[in-house]
N, C-alpha and C. Protein backbone atom coordinates (compact mmCIF):
# COMPACT_ATOMS: atom_id res chain seq x y z
N MET A 1 239.32 133.77 129.41
CA MET A 1 239.24 134.25 128.04
C MET A 1 238.75 135.70 128.05
N LYS A 2 239.44 136.54 127.33
CA LYS A 2 239.13 137.96 127.28
C LYS A 2 237.97 138.21 126.31
N THR A 3 237.05 139.08 126.72
CA THR A 3 235.92 139.40 125.86
C THR A 3 236.19 140.70 125.10
N ASN A 4 235.61 140.79 123.94
CA ASN A 4 235.75 141.97 123.11
C ASN A 4 234.46 142.79 123.22
N PRO A 5 234.47 143.90 123.96
CA PRO A 5 233.24 144.67 124.19
C PRO A 5 232.57 145.15 122.90
N LYS A 6 233.32 145.54 121.91
CA LYS A 6 232.75 146.00 120.64
C LYS A 6 231.99 144.86 119.96
N LYS A 7 232.59 143.68 119.94
CA LYS A 7 231.95 142.51 119.33
C LYS A 7 230.67 142.15 120.08
N ILE A 8 230.73 142.19 121.41
CA ILE A 8 229.55 141.88 122.22
C ILE A 8 228.45 142.91 121.96
N GLY A 9 228.81 144.19 121.88
CA GLY A 9 227.84 145.25 121.58
C GLY A 9 227.21 145.07 120.21
N ASN A 10 228.01 144.74 119.21
CA ASN A 10 227.49 144.51 117.85
C ASN A 10 226.52 143.33 117.83
N MET A 11 226.87 142.26 118.54
CA MET A 11 226.00 141.08 118.59
C MET A 11 224.67 141.44 119.26
N PHE A 12 224.73 142.24 120.32
CA PHE A 12 223.51 142.65 121.01
C PHE A 12 222.64 143.52 120.10
N GLU A 13 223.24 144.41 119.35
CA GLU A 13 222.48 145.24 118.42
C GLU A 13 221.77 144.39 117.37
N ARG A 14 222.45 143.37 116.86
CA ARG A 14 221.81 142.47 115.89
C ARG A 14 220.66 141.70 116.54
N GLU A 15 220.86 141.27 117.79
CA GLU A 15 219.81 140.57 118.52
C GLU A 15 218.59 141.49 118.70
N VAL A 16 218.81 142.74 119.09
CA VAL A 16 217.71 143.68 119.29
C VAL A 16 217.00 143.96 117.96
N ALA A 17 217.75 144.10 116.88
CA ALA A 17 217.13 144.34 115.56
C ALA A 17 216.18 143.21 115.20
N LYS A 18 216.60 141.99 115.43
CA LYS A 18 215.74 140.83 115.13
C LYS A 18 214.53 140.80 116.06
N LEU A 19 214.74 141.00 117.35
CA LEU A 19 213.64 140.98 118.31
C LEU A 19 212.63 142.11 118.04
N LEU A 20 213.12 143.29 117.71
CA LEU A 20 212.23 144.41 117.37
C LEU A 20 211.42 144.09 116.12
N SER A 21 212.07 143.50 115.14
CA SER A 21 211.37 143.12 113.91
C SER A 21 210.21 142.18 114.23
N LEU A 22 210.48 141.17 115.03
CA LEU A 22 209.43 140.23 115.41
C LEU A 22 208.31 140.93 116.18
N LYS A 23 208.69 141.80 117.10
CA LYS A 23 207.72 142.50 117.94
C LYS A 23 206.82 143.42 117.12
N VAL A 24 207.39 144.20 116.24
CA VAL A 24 206.64 145.18 115.45
C VAL A 24 205.78 144.50 114.38
N SER A 25 206.21 143.33 113.90
CA SER A 25 205.47 142.62 112.84
C SER A 25 204.57 141.51 113.38
N ASN A 26 204.35 141.47 114.68
CA ASN A 26 203.55 140.39 115.28
C ASN A 26 204.09 139.01 114.93
N ASN A 27 205.40 138.87 115.08
CA ASN A 27 206.12 137.60 114.87
C ASN A 27 206.11 137.11 113.43
N GLU A 28 205.93 138.01 112.48
CA GLU A 28 205.92 137.62 111.07
C GLU A 28 207.25 137.85 110.36
N ARG A 29 208.04 138.82 110.83
CA ARG A 29 209.25 139.22 110.11
C ARG A 29 210.43 139.36 111.06
N THR A 30 211.63 139.08 110.54
CA THR A 30 212.85 139.28 111.32
C THR A 30 213.77 140.30 110.66
N ASP A 31 213.31 140.92 109.57
CA ASP A 31 214.19 141.75 108.76
C ASP A 31 213.75 143.22 108.64
N LEU A 32 212.93 143.70 109.55
CA LEU A 32 212.46 145.08 109.47
C LEU A 32 213.50 146.07 109.99
N PHE A 33 214.36 145.62 110.89
CA PHE A 33 215.38 146.48 111.49
C PHE A 33 216.75 145.87 111.29
N CYS A 34 217.76 146.74 111.32
CA CYS A 34 219.14 146.26 111.29
C CYS A 34 220.00 147.25 112.07
N ARG A 35 221.23 146.88 112.30
CA ARG A 35 222.17 147.80 112.93
C ARG A 35 222.34 149.00 112.00
N THR A 36 222.41 150.18 112.60
CA THR A 36 222.67 151.38 111.82
C THR A 36 224.10 151.30 111.30
N PRO A 37 224.33 151.49 109.99
CA PRO A 37 225.72 151.50 109.49
C PRO A 37 226.52 152.55 110.26
N GLY A 38 227.67 152.16 110.74
CA GLY A 38 228.49 153.08 111.53
C GLY A 38 227.95 153.29 112.93
N SER A 39 227.21 152.31 113.43
CA SER A 39 226.65 152.41 114.78
C SER A 39 227.74 152.83 115.76
N GLY A 40 227.40 153.78 116.60
CA GLY A 40 228.39 154.34 117.52
C GLY A 40 229.01 155.62 117.00
N ASN A 41 228.80 155.89 115.73
CA ASN A 41 229.30 157.11 115.09
C ASN A 41 228.46 158.29 115.59
N THR A 42 229.10 159.37 115.94
CA THR A 42 228.37 160.51 116.49
C THR A 42 227.51 161.23 115.46
N PHE A 43 227.62 160.88 114.19
CA PHE A 43 226.82 161.53 113.16
C PHE A 43 225.55 160.75 112.83
N LYS A 44 225.37 159.61 113.43
CA LYS A 44 224.20 158.77 113.18
C LYS A 44 223.30 158.79 114.40
N ASP A 45 221.97 158.76 114.19
CA ASP A 45 221.02 158.67 115.29
C ASP A 45 220.68 157.22 115.55
N GLY A 46 221.06 156.72 116.70
CA GLY A 46 220.66 155.38 117.12
C GLY A 46 221.54 154.27 116.62
N ASP A 47 221.37 153.12 117.26
CA ASP A 47 222.13 151.92 116.92
C ASP A 47 221.34 150.99 116.00
N ILE A 48 220.02 151.16 115.98
CA ILE A 48 219.13 150.29 115.21
C ILE A 48 218.27 151.18 114.32
N MET A 49 218.04 150.73 113.08
CA MET A 49 217.20 151.52 112.18
C MET A 49 216.20 150.63 111.46
N LEU A 50 215.06 151.22 111.14
CA LEU A 50 214.03 150.58 110.34
C LEU A 50 214.52 150.58 108.90
N VAL A 51 214.48 149.43 108.23
CA VAL A 51 215.04 149.35 106.89
C VAL A 51 214.00 149.06 105.80
N THR A 52 212.75 148.94 106.19
CA THR A 52 211.72 148.69 105.19
C THR A 52 211.05 149.99 104.77
N ASN A 53 210.59 150.03 103.54
CA ASN A 53 209.82 151.18 103.05
C ASN A 53 208.32 150.92 103.10
N GLU A 54 207.94 149.77 103.65
CA GLU A 54 206.52 149.42 103.71
C GLU A 54 205.79 150.40 104.63
N ALA A 55 204.74 150.98 104.11
CA ALA A 55 203.99 152.02 104.84
C ALA A 55 203.45 151.51 106.18
N LYS A 56 203.11 150.24 106.26
CA LYS A 56 202.49 149.75 107.50
C LYS A 56 203.46 149.73 108.68
N TYR A 57 204.75 149.96 108.44
CA TYR A 57 205.72 149.99 109.54
C TYR A 57 206.30 151.38 109.78
N LYS A 58 205.92 152.35 109.00
CA LYS A 58 206.49 153.69 109.12
C LYS A 58 206.11 154.41 110.41
N TRP A 59 205.10 153.92 111.12
CA TRP A 59 204.70 154.54 112.39
C TRP A 59 205.81 154.41 113.44
N PHE A 60 206.70 153.44 113.27
CA PHE A 60 207.74 153.21 114.26
C PHE A 60 208.88 154.21 114.02
N ASP A 61 208.93 155.23 114.85
CA ASP A 61 209.95 156.26 114.64
C ASP A 61 210.80 156.53 115.88
N PHE A 62 210.93 155.53 116.74
CA PHE A 62 211.80 155.65 117.90
C PHE A 62 213.27 155.61 117.47
N ILE A 63 214.09 156.37 118.15
CA ILE A 63 215.54 156.22 118.02
C ILE A 63 215.92 155.17 119.06
N ILE A 64 216.63 154.15 118.64
CA ILE A 64 216.97 153.04 119.53
C ILE A 64 218.47 153.07 119.83
N GLU A 65 218.80 153.17 121.10
CA GLU A 65 220.18 153.04 121.57
C GLU A 65 220.29 151.72 122.33
N CYS A 66 221.33 150.97 122.08
CA CYS A 66 221.53 149.67 122.74
C CYS A 66 222.81 149.70 123.56
N LYS A 67 222.72 149.17 124.77
CA LYS A 67 223.90 149.07 125.63
C LYS A 67 223.85 147.73 126.33
N THR A 68 225.01 147.13 126.50
CA THR A 68 225.10 145.87 127.24
C THR A 68 226.24 145.98 128.24
N SER A 69 226.05 145.30 129.36
CA SER A 69 227.06 145.32 130.42
C SER A 69 227.17 143.93 131.02
N LYS A 70 228.36 143.59 131.45
CA LYS A 70 228.58 142.25 132.00
C LYS A 70 227.79 142.05 133.29
N THR A 71 227.76 143.06 134.15
CA THR A 71 227.07 142.93 135.42
C THR A 71 226.21 144.16 135.67
N GLY A 72 225.31 144.03 136.62
CA GLY A 72 224.56 145.19 137.04
C GLY A 72 223.07 144.98 137.10
N SER A 73 222.40 146.08 137.36
CA SER A 73 220.94 146.14 137.40
C SER A 73 220.56 147.59 137.18
N ILE A 74 219.28 147.83 136.98
CA ILE A 74 218.82 149.20 136.75
C ILE A 74 218.96 150.03 138.03
N LEU A 75 218.37 149.54 139.11
CA LEU A 75 218.44 150.25 140.39
C LEU A 75 219.19 149.41 141.41
N PRO A 76 220.05 149.96 142.21
CA PRO A 76 220.42 151.36 142.19
C PRO A 76 221.05 151.73 140.84
N LEU A 77 220.81 152.95 140.43
CA LEU A 77 221.22 153.42 139.11
C LEU A 77 222.74 153.40 138.98
N ARG A 78 223.22 152.53 138.13
CA ARG A 78 224.66 152.39 137.90
C ARG A 78 225.21 153.64 137.20
N SER A 79 226.47 153.91 137.43
CA SER A 79 227.09 155.08 136.80
C SER A 79 227.07 154.95 135.28
N SER A 80 227.21 153.74 134.75
CA SER A 80 227.19 153.56 133.30
C SER A 80 225.80 153.88 132.75
N VAL A 81 224.74 153.48 133.44
CA VAL A 81 223.38 153.77 132.99
C VAL A 81 223.13 155.27 133.07
N LYS A 82 223.62 155.91 134.12
CA LYS A 82 223.49 157.37 134.23
C LYS A 82 224.14 158.06 133.03
N GLU A 83 225.30 157.59 132.66
CA GLU A 83 226.00 158.20 131.52
C GLU A 83 225.23 157.96 130.22
N TYR A 84 224.70 156.75 130.01
CA TYR A 84 223.91 156.47 128.81
C TYR A 84 222.70 157.41 128.76
N LEU A 85 222.03 157.61 129.91
CA LEU A 85 220.87 158.49 129.97
C LEU A 85 221.25 159.93 129.67
N ARG A 86 222.36 160.39 130.25
CA ARG A 86 222.82 161.76 129.99
C ARG A 86 223.02 161.99 128.50
N GLN A 87 223.69 161.02 127.86
CA GLN A 87 223.97 161.13 126.43
C GLN A 87 222.68 161.18 125.61
N CYS A 88 221.74 160.29 125.92
CA CYS A 88 220.48 160.24 125.17
C CYS A 88 219.66 161.51 125.37
N VAL A 89 219.56 161.98 126.60
CA VAL A 89 218.79 163.20 126.88
C VAL A 89 219.38 164.38 126.13
N LYS A 90 220.69 164.49 126.15
CA LYS A 90 221.35 165.61 125.48
C LYS A 90 221.18 165.52 123.96
N ARG A 91 221.38 164.35 123.42
CA ARG A 91 221.38 164.19 121.96
C ARG A 91 219.99 164.17 121.34
N TYR A 92 219.02 163.60 122.05
CA TYR A 92 217.70 163.39 121.46
C TYR A 92 216.62 164.19 122.19
N LYS A 93 216.93 165.41 122.53
CA LYS A 93 216.05 166.28 123.32
C LYS A 93 214.57 166.15 123.04
N ASN A 94 214.14 166.46 121.85
CA ASN A 94 212.72 166.50 121.53
C ASN A 94 212.29 165.35 120.63
N LYS A 95 213.03 164.26 120.69
CA LYS A 95 212.72 163.10 119.85
C LYS A 95 212.26 161.95 120.73
N ARG A 96 211.63 160.97 120.09
CA ARG A 96 211.23 159.75 120.83
C ARG A 96 212.38 158.76 120.76
N TRP A 97 212.86 158.36 121.94
CA TRP A 97 213.98 157.43 121.97
C TRP A 97 213.80 156.40 123.07
N LEU A 98 214.50 155.28 122.90
CA LEU A 98 214.52 154.21 123.88
C LEU A 98 215.96 153.78 124.10
N LEU A 99 216.29 153.53 125.33
CA LEU A 99 217.58 152.93 125.67
C LEU A 99 217.30 151.48 126.02
N ILE A 100 217.84 150.57 125.25
CA ILE A 100 217.63 149.15 125.48
C ILE A 100 218.90 148.59 126.10
N VAL A 101 218.76 148.03 127.29
CA VAL A 101 219.91 147.62 128.11
C VAL A 101 219.80 146.15 128.47
N LYS A 102 220.94 145.48 128.37
CA LYS A 102 221.02 144.08 128.79
C LYS A 102 222.19 143.93 129.75
N PHE A 103 221.90 143.33 130.91
CA PHE A 103 222.95 142.98 131.86
C PHE A 103 223.16 141.48 131.71
N ARG A 104 224.32 141.08 131.24
CA ARG A 104 224.55 139.67 130.88
C ARG A 104 224.55 138.75 132.09
N ASN A 105 224.71 139.28 133.30
CA ASN A 105 224.68 138.43 134.49
C ASN A 105 223.25 138.18 134.95
N ASN A 106 222.27 138.72 134.27
CA ASN A 106 220.89 138.72 134.74
C ASN A 106 220.01 137.82 133.88
N ASP A 107 220.46 136.62 133.57
CA ASP A 107 219.68 135.62 132.82
C ASP A 107 219.11 136.14 131.50
N GLY A 108 219.82 137.04 130.85
CA GLY A 108 219.38 137.52 129.55
C GLY A 108 218.26 138.53 129.58
N ALA A 109 217.95 139.06 130.75
CA ALA A 109 216.89 140.07 130.84
C ALA A 109 217.29 141.29 130.02
N ILE A 110 216.33 141.81 129.28
CA ILE A 110 216.55 143.01 128.48
C ILE A 110 215.52 144.04 128.92
N TYR A 111 215.98 145.25 129.17
CA TYR A 111 215.11 146.32 129.64
C TYR A 111 215.07 147.45 128.63
N CYS A 112 213.92 148.09 128.55
CA CYS A 112 213.72 149.31 127.78
C CYS A 112 213.60 150.44 128.78
N ILE A 113 214.43 151.45 128.65
CA ILE A 113 214.29 152.64 129.49
C ILE A 113 213.81 153.76 128.57
N ALA A 114 212.71 154.39 128.96
CA ALA A 114 212.10 155.41 128.12
C ALA A 114 211.81 156.67 128.92
N PRO A 115 212.13 157.83 128.34
CA PRO A 115 211.70 159.07 128.99
C PRO A 115 210.17 159.18 128.84
N ASP A 116 209.57 160.03 129.64
CA ASP A 116 208.10 160.08 129.64
C ASP A 116 207.50 160.40 128.28
N ASN A 117 208.14 161.21 127.43
CA ASN A 117 207.57 161.52 126.11
C ASN A 117 207.59 160.31 125.17
N SER A 118 208.44 159.34 125.43
CA SER A 118 208.46 158.11 124.63
C SER A 118 207.62 157.02 125.28
N ALA A 119 207.58 156.99 126.60
CA ALA A 119 206.88 155.93 127.33
C ALA A 119 205.39 155.92 127.03
N ILE A 120 204.82 157.06 126.69
CA ILE A 120 203.39 157.08 126.40
C ILE A 120 203.03 156.27 125.17
N HIS A 121 204.02 155.88 124.38
CA HIS A 121 203.79 155.08 123.18
C HIS A 121 204.10 153.60 123.40
N LEU A 122 204.25 153.23 124.67
CA LEU A 122 204.50 151.83 125.03
C LEU A 122 203.38 151.36 125.95
N ASP A 123 203.15 150.07 125.96
CA ASP A 123 202.10 149.49 126.78
C ASP A 123 202.44 149.63 128.25
N LYS A 124 201.63 150.38 128.99
CA LYS A 124 201.92 150.65 130.39
C LYS A 124 201.90 149.40 131.26
N ASP A 125 201.29 148.32 130.81
CA ASP A 125 201.26 147.08 131.58
C ASP A 125 202.63 146.42 131.69
N ALA A 126 203.56 146.82 130.84
CA ALA A 126 204.90 146.24 130.86
C ALA A 126 205.87 147.04 131.73
N ILE A 127 205.41 148.14 132.34
CA ILE A 127 206.28 148.93 133.21
C ILE A 127 206.63 148.11 134.44
N ILE A 128 207.91 148.01 134.74
CA ILE A 128 208.32 147.29 135.95
C ILE A 128 208.83 148.23 137.03
N MET A 129 209.19 149.45 136.65
CA MET A 129 209.59 150.45 137.63
C MET A 129 209.74 151.80 136.93
N TYR A 130 209.86 152.83 137.74
CA TYR A 130 210.20 154.14 137.20
C TYR A 130 211.13 154.83 138.19
N PHE A 131 211.85 155.81 137.70
CA PHE A 131 212.77 156.54 138.55
C PHE A 131 212.96 157.94 138.00
N THR A 132 213.49 158.81 138.83
CA THR A 132 213.80 160.17 138.43
C THR A 132 215.31 160.32 138.42
N PHE A 133 215.80 160.94 137.37
CA PHE A 133 217.23 161.20 137.23
C PHE A 133 217.38 162.56 136.58
N ASN A 134 218.16 163.43 137.20
CA ASN A 134 218.35 164.80 136.69
C ASN A 134 217.01 165.50 136.41
N GLU A 135 216.09 165.34 137.34
CA GLU A 135 214.78 165.99 137.29
C GLU A 135 213.91 165.52 136.13
N LYS A 136 214.20 164.36 135.56
CA LYS A 136 213.39 163.78 134.50
C LYS A 136 212.92 162.40 134.95
N THR A 137 211.72 162.04 134.54
CA THR A 137 211.16 160.73 134.89
C THR A 137 211.42 159.75 133.75
N PHE A 138 211.87 158.57 134.13
CA PHE A 138 212.12 157.50 133.18
C PHE A 138 211.34 156.27 133.61
N PHE A 139 210.86 155.53 132.63
CA PHE A 139 210.11 154.30 132.89
C PHE A 139 210.92 153.12 132.38
N VAL A 140 210.90 152.04 133.14
CA VAL A 140 211.63 150.83 132.76
C VAL A 140 210.60 149.77 132.40
N PHE A 141 210.77 149.19 131.23
CA PHE A 141 209.88 148.16 130.72
C PHE A 141 210.65 146.86 130.56
N ASP A 142 209.95 145.75 130.76
CA ASP A 142 210.49 144.45 130.41
C ASP A 142 210.39 144.36 128.88
N PHE A 143 211.51 144.32 128.21
CA PHE A 143 211.52 144.35 126.75
C PHE A 143 210.64 143.26 126.15
N PHE A 144 210.70 142.06 126.71
CA PHE A 144 209.99 140.93 126.11
C PHE A 144 208.48 141.07 126.25
N ASN A 145 208.01 141.85 127.21
CA ASN A 145 206.56 142.04 127.40
C ASN A 145 206.07 143.38 126.87
N THR A 146 206.95 144.18 126.31
CA THR A 146 206.58 145.51 125.84
C THR A 146 205.84 145.43 124.51
N LYS A 147 204.75 146.19 124.43
CA LYS A 147 204.03 146.34 123.17
C LYS A 147 204.15 147.81 122.77
N PHE A 148 204.43 148.02 121.50
CA PHE A 148 204.53 149.38 120.98
C PHE A 148 203.15 149.80 120.49
N LEU A 149 202.75 150.99 120.89
CA LEU A 149 201.45 151.50 120.49
C LEU A 149 201.65 152.43 119.31
N ARG A 150 200.89 152.19 118.26
CA ARG A 150 201.00 153.05 117.07
C ARG A 150 200.55 154.44 117.41
N LYS A 151 201.31 155.41 116.96
CA LYS A 151 200.89 156.79 117.18
C LYS A 151 199.90 157.20 116.11
N ASN A 152 199.02 158.09 116.47
CA ASN A 152 198.01 158.56 115.52
C ASN A 152 198.50 159.76 114.76
């Protein structure tokens, strides 16, 4: 049976939106985030957006990019992950962003890849590895164990 990559990507974005909502709200809400309308459009920042106007959630200002792949792992660094990183670095130069990646052959593991300027806002205990790519340091977090630290 042939898979539809766009459909799989959209489903993953919806999954991440729900998981992020639960994570940011301490398991109280599933509706804080949604797919960005026109996700994948070059005029929009990120695949996931915060949709609430509640002040207690406004601290979350990461740009979230989501990617899924049938096979693979973070290291050795796959060419597709390199390309995702190139795109994010170029597009979100001075912004806080996260690349959330799922390899479907890896028992549903979801990883957060963050450049050092974004990683400082995540719980360092969830770091599972780090690597250098194009002279920049990136940290890899286990998404399910990651805690977001509110910025001051």
